[in-house]
C-alpha cells in the first residue's frame, strides 16, 4: 500500500509524491526536501490518495497538469525542475487529445446556461452561495480524511496498556521479593516493548483523537458525549467521511463541479461587464 500526496507550495506550484507511511497532515510527509528547493515550503495539503498501484502517481501528476498546466506541476516520472523537451511534447500531444472533448462539453453547457439567465446579479449571488456550500463539504471531507490501519493501531494501544499493567504488577511483586514472578514480568515487558518500538508508525491514537474532535465540532458543535474508545472514534470518522463524499458527488451532479461553477461565475461577470459597457 502506498500513499500519494498532492501539495501546494508557497510559489503556487504543485508537487505530487508518495510514501509507504500513512499521511494525515503535512507533518507526516517524509523526505519532501529531496523534491523541492531550499526556498520552497508547503502551503497546503491538497489531497491524499491510498492505492496499491504505483502507476497512479503519474496518473495523478497528469491529472493536475491537465488542470493547472505542465509547468505548474511536478512529481512521479516528471520530477525534474526543467522537463526534457521530448517529455513536454509528449504531454502536450496527450493533453491535446483530451482537452477539446472536455472543454467543448463545458463551453457548450456554459453557453446554454448564460443564454437562459435573466437576472445576472441574482444568479451571481446564487453561484457564490453554491460555491460556498461546495467548499464547506470539501472542507468537512478534508477535516475527517484519515489514513490509519485501525487494527494495528488497536494492537499498539493494547501493548501500551499491557506495559502499564505489568509495570504496576512488577512494583507489587518487587515489594514482596517474588523473584520468579519478577523474572516472568520482565520477559513479558521486554517482548511488549520490542513490539512497541518496532511498530511506532502505528502509534496513531492522538491523530484519531484530533480528527474525531474535528468530526464532533462539525457534526454536533461539541454538544455530544466524547467517545474515548478508539474504534468508535475511527468508525464514526470513516462513516461521516464517506457520507460527505457521497454528498459531494450528489451536490456536483445537481449544481456542477467546482471548475464548472467557476466558469459559470466568470461567464456571468463577463456578461454583466458587457451589459454595462453597452
Protein backbone atom coordinates (compact mmCIF):
# COMPACT_ATOMS: atom_id res chain seq x y z
CA UNK A 1 0.00 0.00 0.00
CA UNK A 2 1.28 3.48 -0.89
CA UNK A 3 0.00 6.96 -0.07
CA UNK A 4 0.11 9.56 -2.85
CA UNK A 5 0.16 13.15 -1.65
CA UNK A 6 -0.55 16.33 -3.59
CA UNK A 7 0.75 19.54 -2.03
CA UNK A 8 0.60 23.21 -2.97
CA UNK A 9 3.89 25.06 -2.49
CA UNK A 10 4.19 28.73 -1.48
CA UNK A 11 5.30 29.54 -5.06
CA UNK A 12 1.86 28.25 -6.24
CA UNK A 13 3.36 25.15 -7.87
CA UNK A 14 2.00 21.67 -7.16
CA UNK A 15 4.08 18.68 -6.13
CA UNK A 16 2.93 15.05 -6.26
CA UNK A 17 4.83 12.42 -4.26
CA UNK A 18 4.28 9.14 -2.47
CA UNK A 19 5.40 7.15 0.55
CA UNK A 20 4.59 3.89 2.33
CA UNK A 21 3.52 5.51 5.61
CA UNK A 22 0.01 6.95 6.20
CA UNK A 23 -0.45 10.71 5.82
CA UNK A 24 -2.88 12.68 7.96
CA UNK A 25 -1.25 16.09 7.65
CA UNK A 26 1.74 17.97 6.23
CA UNK A 27 3.93 16.89 9.15
CA UNK A 28 3.54 13.22 8.13
CA UNK A 29 5.17 13.73 4.72
CA UNK A 30 8.70 12.29 4.66
CA UNK A 31 11.72 13.35 2.62
CA UNK A 32 9.89 16.11 0.76
CA UNK A 33 13.02 18.27 0.89
CA UNK A 34 14.51 15.92 -1.71
CA UNK A 35 11.97 17.22 -4.23
CA UNK A 36 11.77 20.96 -3.53
CA UNK A 37 14.21 23.87 -3.47
CA UNK A 38 15.53 25.28 -0.21
CA UNK A 39 13.38 28.41 -0.52
CA UNK A 40 10.16 26.44 -1.14
CA UNK A 41 7.68 25.44 1.55
CA UNK A 42 4.41 23.52 1.59
CA UNK A 43 1.43 25.85 1.74
CA UNK A 44 -1.37 23.26 1.73
CA UNK A 45 -2.01 19.52 1.58
CA UNK A 46 -4.49 19.25 -1.31
CA UNK A 47 -5.14 15.51 -1.49
CA UNK A 48 -4.02 12.10 -0.22
CA UNK A 49 -4.73 9.00 -2.32
CA UNK A 50 -4.42 5.49 -0.88
CA UNK A 51 -3.58 2.94 -3.58
CA UNK A 52 -1.74 -0.26 -4.36
CA UNK A 53 -0.82 0.79 -7.90
CA UNK A 54 2.37 2.84 -8.31
CA UNK A 55 1.16 3.89 -11.78
CA UNK A 56 -1.43 6.06 -10.02
CA UNK A 57 1.38 8.52 -9.15
CA UNK A 58 1.92 9.52 -12.79
CA UNK A 59 -1.84 9.46 -13.41
CA UNK A 60 -2.26 11.96 -10.56
CA UNK A 61 0.56 14.15 -11.89
CA UNK A 62 -1.07 14.24 -15.34
CA UNK A 63 -4.50 14.98 -13.87
CA UNK A 64 -3.14 18.10 -12.15
CA UNK A 65 -1.02 19.08 -15.17
CA UNK A 66 -4.10 18.92 -17.37
CA UNK A 67 -5.93 21.19 -14.93
CA UNK A 68 -3.17 23.69 -13.99
CA UNK A 69 -0.54 23.39 -16.73
CA UNK A 70 2.58 21.30 -17.33
CA UNK A 71 4.96 23.88 -15.86
CA UNK A 72 2.95 24.19 -12.64
CA UNK A 73 3.09 20.53 -11.58
CA UNK A 74 5.94 18.12 -10.81
CA UNK A 75 6.16 14.58 -9.46
CA UNK A 76 6.43 10.91 -10.40
CA UNK A 77 8.29 10.44 -13.68
CA UNK A 78 8.05 14.21 -14.22
CA UNK A 79 10.07 15.36 -11.20
CA UNK A 80 12.82 17.37 -12.96
CA UNK A 81 12.70 21.12 -12.38
CA UNK A 82 13.13 21.53 -16.16
CA UNK A 83 11.49 18.69 -18.10
CA UNK A 84 13.18 17.30 -21.20
CA UNK A 85 11.75 18.69 -24.41
CA UNK A 86 10.54 15.28 -25.59
CA UNK A 87 8.61 14.87 -22.33
CA UNK A 88 6.88 18.22 -22.75
CA UNK A 89 5.96 17.46 -26.36
CA UNK A 90 4.62 14.03 -25.38
CA UNK A 91 2.49 15.52 -22.62
CA UNK A 92 1.22 18.32 -24.86
CA UNK A 93 0.20 15.78 -27.51
CA UNK A 94 -1.58 13.62 -24.93
CA UNK A 95 -3.40 16.60 -23.38
CA UNK A 96 -4.36 17.96 -26.79
CA UNK A 97 -6.37 14.79 -27.37
CA UNK A 98 -8.09 15.08 -24.00
CA UNK A 99 -8.74 18.82 -23.66
CA UNK A 100 -11.00 19.55 -26.64
CA UNK A 101 -13.59 16.97 -25.60
CA UNK A 102 -13.82 18.25 -22.02
CA UNK A 103 -13.53 21.92 -22.97
CA UNK A 104 -16.19 21.69 -25.69
CA UNK A 105 -18.58 19.96 -23.30
CA UNK A 106 -18.05 22.62 -20.60
CA UNK A 107 -18.32 25.57 -23.03
CA UNK A 108 -21.49 24.20 -24.56
CA UNK A 109 -23.03 23.84 -21.09
CA UNK A 110 -21.91 27.37 -20.12
CA UNK A 111 -23.33 28.93 -23.30
CA UNK A 112 -26.71 27.30 -22.75
CA UNK A 113 -26.68 28.39 -19.12
CA UNK A 114 -25.76 32.03 -19.88
CA UNK A 115 -28.40 32.35 -22.60
CA UNK A 116 -31.11 31.36 -20.10
CA UNK A 117 -30.06 33.79 -17.34
CA UNK A 118 -32.48 36.72 -16.92
CA UNK A 119 -31.17 38.35 -13.73
CA UNK A 120 -27.35 38.38 -13.67
CA UNK A 121 -26.99 39.84 -10.17
CA UNK A 122 -29.36 37.30 -8.68
CA UNK A 123 -27.55 34.48 -10.47
CA UNK A 124 -24.14 35.74 -9.28
CA UNK A 125 -25.30 35.60 -5.65
CA UNK A 126 -26.73 32.13 -6.27
CA UNK A 127 -23.41 30.87 -7.71
CA UNK A 128 -21.47 32.37 -4.78
CA UNK A 129 -23.72 30.58 -2.30
CA UNK A 130 -23.44 27.27 -4.18
CA UNK A 131 -19.64 27.54 -4.33
CA UNK A 132 -19.52 28.26 -0.59
CA UNK A 133 -21.64 25.17 0.11
CA UNK A 134 -19.37 23.10 -2.12
CA UNK A 135 -16.22 24.34 -0.36
CA UNK A 136 -17.82 23.63 3.02
CA UNK A 137 -18.48 19.99 2.06
CA UNK A 138 -14.91 19.62 0.73
CA UNK A 139 -13.51 21.10 3.94
CA UNK A 140 -15.56 18.64 6.01
CA UNK A 141 -14.14 15.80 3.94
CA UNK A 142 -10.59 17.10 4.35
CA UNK A 143 -11.03 17.61 8.12
CA UNK A 144 -12.11 13.98 8.63
CA UNK A 145 -9.96 12.26 5.98
CA UNK A 146 -7.80 9.83 7.95
CA UNK A 147 -5.47 7.11 6.69
CA UNK A 148 -4.86 4.75 9.61
CA UNK A 149 -4.61 0.98 9.97
CA UNK A 150 -7.10 0.70 12.83
CA UNK A 151 -6.35 -2.96 13.63
CA UNK A 152 -2.62 -2.31 14.07
CA UNK A 153 -3.35 0.89 16.00
CA UNK A 154 -5.53 -1.10 18.42
CA UNK A 155 -2.75 -3.70 18.79
CA UNK A 156 -0.33 -0.90 19.62
CA UNK A 157 -2.78 0.59 22.14
CA UNK A 158 -3.26 -2.81 23.82
CA UNK A 159 0.50 -3.24 24.10
CA UNK A 160 0.77 0.19 25.76
CA UNK A 161 -1.96 -0.69 28.26
CA UNK A 162 -0.38 -4.06 28.99
CA UNK A 163 3.01 -2.42 29.64
CA UNK A 164 1.36 -0.11 32.18
CA UNK A 165 -0.37 -3.04 33.89
CA UNK A 166 2.82 -5.11 34.07
CA UNK A 167 4.80 -2.19 35.47
CA UNK A 168 2.23 -1.86 38.26
CA UNK A 169 2.33 -5.62 38.84
CA UNK A 170 6.14 -5.55 38.86
CA UNK A 171 6.14 -2.97 41.66
CA UNK A 172 3.80 -5.16 43.70
CA UNK A 173 5.95 -8.28 43.38
CA UNK A 174 9.14 -6.28 43.86
CA UNK A 175 7.89 -5.22 47.28
CA UNK A 176 7.19 -8.89 48.13
CA UNK A 177 10.57 -10.04 46.75
CA UNK A 178 8.99 -12.61 44.44
CA UNK A 179 11.89 -13.20 42.03
CA UNK A 180 10.15 -15.82 39.88
CA UNK A 181 7.21 -13.55 39.18
CA UNK A 182 9.51 -10.60 38.56
CA UNK A 183 11.53 -12.55 36.02
CA UNK A 184 8.39 -13.59 34.12
CA UNK A 185 7.10 -10.00 34.13
CA UNK A 186 10.43 -8.67 32.84
CA UNK A 187 10.36 -11.20 29.98
CA UNK A 188 6.83 -10.15 29.04
CA UNK A 189 7.75 -6.47 29.27
CA UNK A 190 10.76 -6.98 27.03
CA UNK A 191 8.58 -8.58 24.32
CA UNK A 192 5.94 -5.85 24.57
CA UNK A 193 8.48 -3.03 24.47
CA UNK A 194 10.13 -4.61 21.45
CA UNK A 195 6.73 -4.84 19.73
CA UNK A 196 6.03 -1.20 20.61
CA UNK A 197 9.41 0.01 19.36
CA UNK A 198 9.03 -1.91 16.08
CA UNK A 199 5.54 -0.52 15.47
CA UNK A 200 5.94 3.18 16.23
CA UNK A 201 4.32 4.06 12.90
CA UNK A 202 1.05 2.64 14.26
CA UNK A 203 1.03 4.97 17.24
CA UNK A 204 -1.85 6.88 15.62
CA UNK A 205 -4.10 7.27 18.67
CA UNK A 206 -3.53 11.02 19.10
CA UNK A 207 -4.19 11.57 15.37
CA UNK A 208 -7.51 9.69 15.55
CA UNK A 209 -8.40 11.72 18.65
CA UNK A 210 -7.71 15.00 16.85
CA UNK A 211 -9.70 14.09 13.75
CA UNK A 212 -12.54 12.85 15.95
CA UNK A 213 -12.64 16.28 17.62
CA UNK A 214 -12.96 17.80 14.13
CA UNK A 215 -15.87 15.44 13.46
CA UNK A 216 -17.61 16.37 16.75
CA UNK A 217 -17.15 20.06 16.02
CA UNK A 218 -18.59 19.75 12.50
CA UNK A 219 -21.49 17.44 13.21
CA UNK A 220 -22.51 18.27 16.76
CA UNK A 221 -20.83 21.62 17.57
CA UNK A 222 -19.30 19.88 20.62
CA UNK A 223 -22.80 19.12 22.05
CA UNK A 224 -22.13 15.42 22.21
CA UNK A 225 -20.53 12.90 24.56
CA UNK A 226 -16.89 12.50 23.56
CA UNK A 227 -16.31 8.79 22.96
CA UNK A 228 -12.95 7.55 24.24
CA UNK A 229 -12.95 4.13 22.56
CA UNK A 230 -10.53 4.38 19.63
CA UNK A 231 -12.58 2.02 17.42
CA UNK A 232 -15.75 4.07 17.94
CA UNK A 233 -13.84 7.23 17.06
CA UNK A 234 -12.32 5.69 13.94
CA UNK A 235 -15.52 4.16 12.54
CA UNK A 236 -17.55 7.31 13.32
CA UNK A 237 -14.98 9.28 11.33
CA UNK A 238 -14.97 6.84 8.41
CA UNK A 239 -18.78 6.76 8.18
CA UNK A 240 -19.07 10.55 8.29
CA UNK A 241 -16.29 10.98 5.71
CA UNK A 242 -17.90 8.52 3.28
CA UNK A 243 -21.29 10.22 3.76
CA UNK A 244 -19.74 13.60 2.92
CA UNK A 245 -18.11 12.18 -0.21
CA UNK A 246 -21.47 10.82 -1.35
CA UNK A 247 -23.00 14.21 -0.55
CA UNK A 248 -20.30 15.95 -2.61
CA UNK A 249 -20.94 13.64 -5.56
CA UNK A 250 -24.69 14.31 -5.49
CA UNK A 251 -24.11 18.04 -4.98
CA UNK A 252 -21.83 18.23 -8.04
CA UNK A 253 -24.29 16.23 -10.14
CA UNK A 254 -27.01 18.73 -9.20
CA UNK A 255 -25.07 22.03 -9.30
CA UNK A 256 -21.86 21.30 -11.22
CA UNK A 257 -18.24 20.73 -10.26
CA UNK A 258 -16.01 23.40 -8.73
CA UNK A 259 -14.47 24.10 -12.16
CA UNK A 260 -17.87 24.33 -13.85
CA UNK A 261 -19.17 26.72 -11.20
CA UNK A 262 -16.10 28.90 -11.59
CA UNK A 263 -16.56 29.01 -15.36
CA UNK A 264 -20.22 29.97 -14.91
CA UNK A 265 -19.23 32.70 -12.48
CA UNK A 266 -16.62 34.12 -14.89
CA UNK A 267 -19.11 34.00 -17.78
CA UNK A 268 -21.70 35.87 -15.69
CA UNK A 269 -19.19 38.58 -14.77
CA UNK A 270 -18.21 38.92 -18.43
CA UNK A 271 -21.86 39.23 -19.47
CA UNK A 272 -22.51 41.84 -16.78
CA UNK A 273 -19.45 43.85 -17.86
CA UNK A 274 -20.67 43.80 -21.49
CA UNK A 275 -24.14 44.95 -20.44
CA UNK A 276 -22.64 47.88 -18.51
CA UNK A 277 -20.46 48.87 -21.48
CA UNK A 278 -23.49 48.89 -23.76
